[in-house]
Every structure is written in C-alpha cells, then in structure tokens.
Amino acid sequence: MNVLRIDSSLHGADGASSRLAATCVEALCATGAVHRVVVRDLAADPVPHLTAERFAAFLAKPEERTPAQQAAVAASDALIDELRAADTIVLGLPMYNFGVPSKLKAYFDHVARAGVTFRYTASGPQGLLTGKRAVVLAARGGRYEGTPRDTQTAYIRDFLRFVGIEDVTFVYAEGLAMGEGPREAALRGARAAIGRLVAEPLAA
C-alpha cells in the first residue's frame, strides 16, 4: 500500500489534525501493509492560490505554453502524480471559521483538472482517480458533526468523489477548544476510531 498524508493545519505537523493523521499513518505502517509514505505539508510547502494565469496554463495546449505556464502545469502535475500513486490518502483537516483551510482549497484547485483527474461526459463529470481510499481526520474546536454548521464533510466528500475517490471515511475530534477534559476525551475517541479502522478493512 502506498500512502499519501496531506496536512493542512496552519500549525504544520504540530496541529491536532496533523497529529491524528500521523497516528493513522503510524498505525497503518504497523500492519506491515505499507510500502511507501509521502507527506504533503501544505503549511511548509503551500500551493499558490489559483489565478487566471495559472488556470489559463491548465487549458493551454502543451506546445503553446509559455515557460511560466509550463512551470505552473509541472507543479500541478507533481501533486496529481502523488495522488495517482497513492492507494490510501490520509487527510488532516482542521476547521477554520466553519470552512476548510484556504491552503487546502488551493491544493484542490490544482489537482482538479479536466481530462487529467476528471472528465466531462454526456451524463456528467466522471472522476479518474478511482480505486483509492481516503481517511479524513477532522479536528474542530467546537462540536459540529451532523449540524448545519458542518460545511466540511459534504464538501470534502463531494470533491473527492468528483475526482473518483468514493471510499471516504471521517474520524472526528471535536470540542478541542472546550477545555482540557473534553479535548483529551475527543482525542482519545479519535485515536480509538483510528485503531478500529486500521484493524478492520483499511489495512486489508
């Protein structure tokens, strides 16, 4: 199994979501089923926000791209190659102001490319990154799961499905800003959920 770990916390590896993602990857590695792990830290190596110029580079014919456009496409291709090579994606997902981190949105904007990771058909878009699993470690200061304020879950599921990743599991650690007791209980619960995931079908 090849694993791609994506950290999107502004605190990098020190963020709660990143630590849970690291715990998940460590548990997977302990099964002996993991051959390779790639870590994409969006705080340490941020993806630029999408601009009209970068979007034009994705649409331009390869032979007509300027050097700047070629560089933009090469950076996008590198991100997509990491996704293609992964069997399992482990995503650390903090919640900022009821949404996903802007650096994660920028990453998504650079891996969603028509004809590369999805294509349009007569019946609608079809994802091309099939046969993969994703585990999303959602860390939140408050408690939002199952409420209208949880704008993340549907968005992440929809995006991953859009590029072909249908098998998506969420592990939530909520109430992290509600005192030491709730924080520790939430993290314990998330770690236990990770253990159950890895012990069952994820490591298969």
Protein backbone atom coordinates (compact mmCIF):
# COMPACT_ATOMS: atom_id res chain seq x y z
CA MET A 1 0.00 0.00 0.00
CA ASN A 2 1.22 3.48 -0.88
CA VAL A 3 0.02 6.22 1.47
CA LEU A 4 -0.24 9.95 0.84
CA ARG A 5 -0.61 12.01 4.01
CA ILE A 6 -1.84 15.56 3.49
CA ASP A 7 -1.53 18.04 6.36
CA SER A 8 -3.50 21.28 6.03
CA SER A 9 -3.14 22.77 9.51
CA LEU A 10 -1.56 26.22 9.70
CA HIS A 11 0.49 24.75 12.58
CA GLY A 12 2.01 22.13 10.27
CA ALA A 13 2.95 18.87 11.97
CA ASP A 14 2.01 20.34 15.39
CA GLY A 15 -1.68 20.78 14.53
CA ALA A 16 -4.19 18.42 16.14
CA SER A 17 -5.40 17.20 12.74
CA SER A 18 -1.82 16.61 11.60
CA ARG A 19 -1.03 14.64 14.73
CA LEU A 20 -4.08 12.47 14.19
CA ALA A 21 -3.06 11.97 10.55
CA ALA A 22 0.39 10.93 11.76
CA THR A 23 -1.20 8.49 14.23
CA CYS A 24 -3.26 6.98 11.41
CA VAL A 25 -0.21 6.55 9.16
CA GLU A 26 1.83 5.05 12.01
CA ALA A 27 -0.96 2.56 12.71
CA LEU A 28 -1.11 1.63 9.03
CA CYS A 29 2.65 1.16 8.90
CA ALA A 30 2.50 -1.09 11.97
CA THR A 31 0.35 -3.54 10.00
CA GLY A 32 3.24 -4.16 7.59
CA ALA A 33 0.99 -3.37 4.64
CA VAL A 34 2.54 0.00 3.79
CA HIS A 35 5.29 0.16 1.20
CA ARG A 36 5.70 3.92 0.85
CA VAL A 37 4.55 7.07 2.65
CA VAL A 38 4.60 10.56 1.11
CA VAL A 39 3.83 13.58 3.30
CA ARG A 40 2.44 16.72 1.70
CA ASP A 41 2.55 19.53 4.30
CA LEU A 42 0.60 22.45 2.91
CA ALA A 43 1.88 24.79 5.64
CA ALA A 44 5.55 24.07 4.96
CA ASP A 45 5.08 23.95 1.18
CA PRO A 46 1.92 25.89 0.32
CA VAL A 47 0.24 25.63 -3.05
CA PRO A 48 -0.41 29.05 -4.63
CA HIS A 49 -3.98 30.18 -4.87
CA LEU A 50 -5.48 29.69 -8.28
CA THR A 51 -5.23 32.73 -10.56
CA ALA A 52 -6.50 33.43 -14.06
CA GLU A 53 -2.95 33.00 -15.33
CA ARG A 54 -2.49 29.59 -13.70
CA PHE A 55 -5.92 28.43 -14.85
CA ALA A 56 -5.07 29.51 -18.40
CA ALA A 57 -1.91 27.39 -18.18
CA PHE A 58 -4.02 24.29 -17.47
CA LEU A 59 -6.17 25.00 -20.54
CA ALA A 60 -3.35 25.89 -22.95
CA LYS A 61 -2.08 23.34 -25.45
CA PRO A 62 1.28 21.94 -24.27
CA GLU A 63 3.14 23.23 -27.31
CA GLU A 64 1.73 26.73 -26.80
CA ARG A 65 2.54 27.16 -23.10
CA THR A 66 4.91 29.88 -22.01
CA PRO A 67 7.76 28.97 -19.63
CA ALA A 68 5.70 30.33 -16.71
CA GLN A 69 2.71 28.25 -17.78
CA GLN A 70 4.88 25.15 -18.13
CA ALA A 71 6.14 25.67 -14.57
CA ALA A 72 2.57 26.02 -13.26
CA VAL A 73 1.45 22.85 -15.02
CA ALA A 74 4.53 20.94 -13.83
CA ALA A 75 3.75 21.88 -10.21
CA SER A 76 0.14 20.72 -10.65
CA ASP A 77 1.30 17.51 -12.35
CA ALA A 78 3.58 16.72 -9.40
CA LEU A 79 0.66 16.99 -6.96
CA ILE A 80 -1.52 14.82 -9.18
CA ASP A 81 1.23 12.22 -9.55
CA GLU A 82 1.33 11.90 -5.75
CA LEU A 83 -2.42 11.27 -5.70
CA ARG A 84 -2.24 8.77 -8.55
CA ALA A 85 0.49 6.79 -6.83
CA ALA A 86 -1.42 6.58 -3.53
CA ASP A 87 -3.70 3.72 -2.59
CA THR A 88 -4.77 5.46 0.63
CA ILE A 89 -4.99 9.20 1.27
CA VAL A 90 -4.84 10.35 4.89
CA LEU A 91 -6.04 13.94 5.20
CA GLY A 92 -5.59 16.07 8.30
CA LEU A 93 -8.47 18.57 8.29
CA PRO A 94 -8.81 21.42 10.79
CA MET A 95 -11.85 23.71 10.71
CA TYR A 96 -11.22 27.42 10.32
CA ASN A 97 -14.22 29.74 10.55
CA PHE A 98 -16.62 26.94 9.55
CA GLY A 99 -14.67 26.04 6.41
CA VAL A 100 -11.65 24.18 5.10
CA PRO A 101 -8.20 25.82 5.23
CA SER A 102 -7.61 28.09 2.24
CA LYS A 103 -4.37 26.26 1.53
CA LEU A 104 -6.34 23.01 1.14
CA LYS A 105 -8.77 24.71 -1.24
CA ALA A 106 -5.77 25.91 -3.27
CA TYR A 107 -4.46 22.34 -3.35
CA PHE A 108 -7.83 21.05 -4.57
CA ASP A 109 -7.90 23.74 -7.27
CA HIS A 110 -4.57 22.45 -8.58
CA VAL A 111 -5.48 18.75 -8.65
CA ALA A 112 -8.96 19.10 -10.18
CA ARG A 113 -8.07 19.25 -13.87
CA ALA A 114 -10.41 18.36 -16.71
CA GLY A 115 -9.07 15.48 -18.77
CA VAL A 116 -6.50 14.64 -16.10
CA THR A 117 -8.27 13.85 -12.81
CA PHE A 118 -11.84 14.06 -14.11
CA ARG A 119 -13.62 14.34 -17.43
CA TYR A 120 -16.97 15.57 -18.59
CA THR A 121 -19.31 13.05 -20.19
CA ALA A 122 -22.83 13.18 -21.59
CA SER A 123 -24.10 12.03 -18.18
CA GLY A 124 -21.98 14.46 -16.17
CA PRO A 125 -18.45 14.57 -14.72
CA GLN A 126 -16.54 11.33 -14.17
CA GLY A 127 -13.64 11.05 -11.72
CA LEU A 128 -10.47 9.41 -12.97
CA LEU A 129 -8.63 8.76 -9.67
CA THR A 130 -10.54 5.57 -8.92
CA GLY A 131 -9.70 2.60 -6.69
CA LYS A 132 -8.44 4.68 -3.75
CA ARG A 133 -9.47 5.16 -0.14
CA ALA A 134 -9.40 8.33 1.91
CA VAL A 135 -9.42 8.78 5.67
CA VAL A 136 -10.17 12.31 6.85
CA LEU A 137 -9.09 13.32 10.37
CA ALA A 138 -11.35 16.27 11.19
CA ALA A 139 -10.23 18.31 14.21
CA ARG A 140 -12.52 21.08 15.46
CA GLY A 141 -12.61 23.47 18.38
CA GLY A 142 -16.40 23.14 18.73
CA ARG A 143 -18.90 20.40 18.04
CA TYR A 144 -20.42 20.49 14.56
CA GLU A 145 -20.77 16.92 13.28
CA GLY A 146 -24.27 16.34 11.96
CA THR A 147 -25.29 20.01 12.24
CA PRO A 148 -25.83 22.64 9.52
CA ARG A 149 -22.56 24.28 10.58
CA ASP A 150 -20.57 21.26 9.44
CA THR A 151 -19.80 22.62 5.98
CA GLN A 152 -16.70 20.45 5.65
CA THR A 153 -17.98 16.89 5.48
CA ALA A 154 -20.20 17.21 2.42
CA TYR A 155 -17.68 19.42 0.64
CA ILE A 156 -14.77 17.03 1.15
CA ARG A 157 -16.88 14.01 0.15
CA ASP A 158 -18.15 15.80 -2.94
CA PHE A 159 -14.71 16.91 -4.04
CA LEU A 160 -13.09 13.52 -3.55
CA ARG A 161 -15.94 11.79 -5.37
CA PHE A 162 -15.63 14.36 -8.16
CA VAL A 163 -12.09 13.13 -8.88
CA GLY A 164 -13.07 9.47 -8.43
CA ILE A 165 -12.35 8.72 -4.76
CA GLU A 166 -15.56 7.14 -3.50
CA ASP A 167 -14.34 5.31 -0.38
CA VAL A 168 -14.12 8.13 2.19
CA THR A 169 -14.17 7.72 5.98
CA PHE A 170 -14.25 10.58 8.50
CA VAL A 171 -12.84 10.45 12.02
CA TYR A 172 -13.88 13.44 14.13
CA ALA A 173 -12.14 15.03 17.10
CA GLU A 174 -14.48 17.78 18.26
CA GLY A 175 -14.66 20.13 21.23
CA LEU A 176 -10.90 20.63 21.28
CA ALA A 177 -11.28 24.23 22.45
CA MET A 178 -13.85 23.43 25.14
CA GLY A 179 -11.49 22.64 27.98
CA GLU A 180 -8.81 20.10 28.77
CA GLY A 181 -11.23 17.31 29.70
CA PRO A 182 -13.30 17.45 26.51
CA ARG A 183 -10.14 17.85 24.44
CA GLU A 184 -8.48 14.77 25.87
CA ALA A 185 -11.70 12.75 25.58
CA ALA A 186 -12.11 13.78 21.93
CA LEU A 187 -8.54 12.88 21.05
CA ARG A 188 -8.83 9.53 22.84
CA GLY A 189 -12.01 8.81 20.93
CA ALA A 190 -10.40 9.73 17.61
CA ARG A 191 -7.36 7.56 18.30
CA ALA A 192 -9.65 4.65 19.19
CA ALA A 193 -11.59 5.15 15.96
CA ILE A 194 -8.33 5.12 14.02
CA GLY A 195 -7.38 1.86 15.72
CA ARG A 196 -10.67 0.27 14.74
CA LEU A 197 -10.32 1.45 11.15
CA VAL A 198 -6.85 0.06 10.78
CA ALA A 199 -7.77 -3.23 12.45
CA GLU A 200 -10.61 -3.79 10.03
CA PRO A 201 -10.84 -3.15 6.28
CA LEU A 202 -8.41 -0.25 5.87
CA ALA A 203 -5.29 -2.36 6.29
CA ALA A 204 -6.57 -5.11 4.02
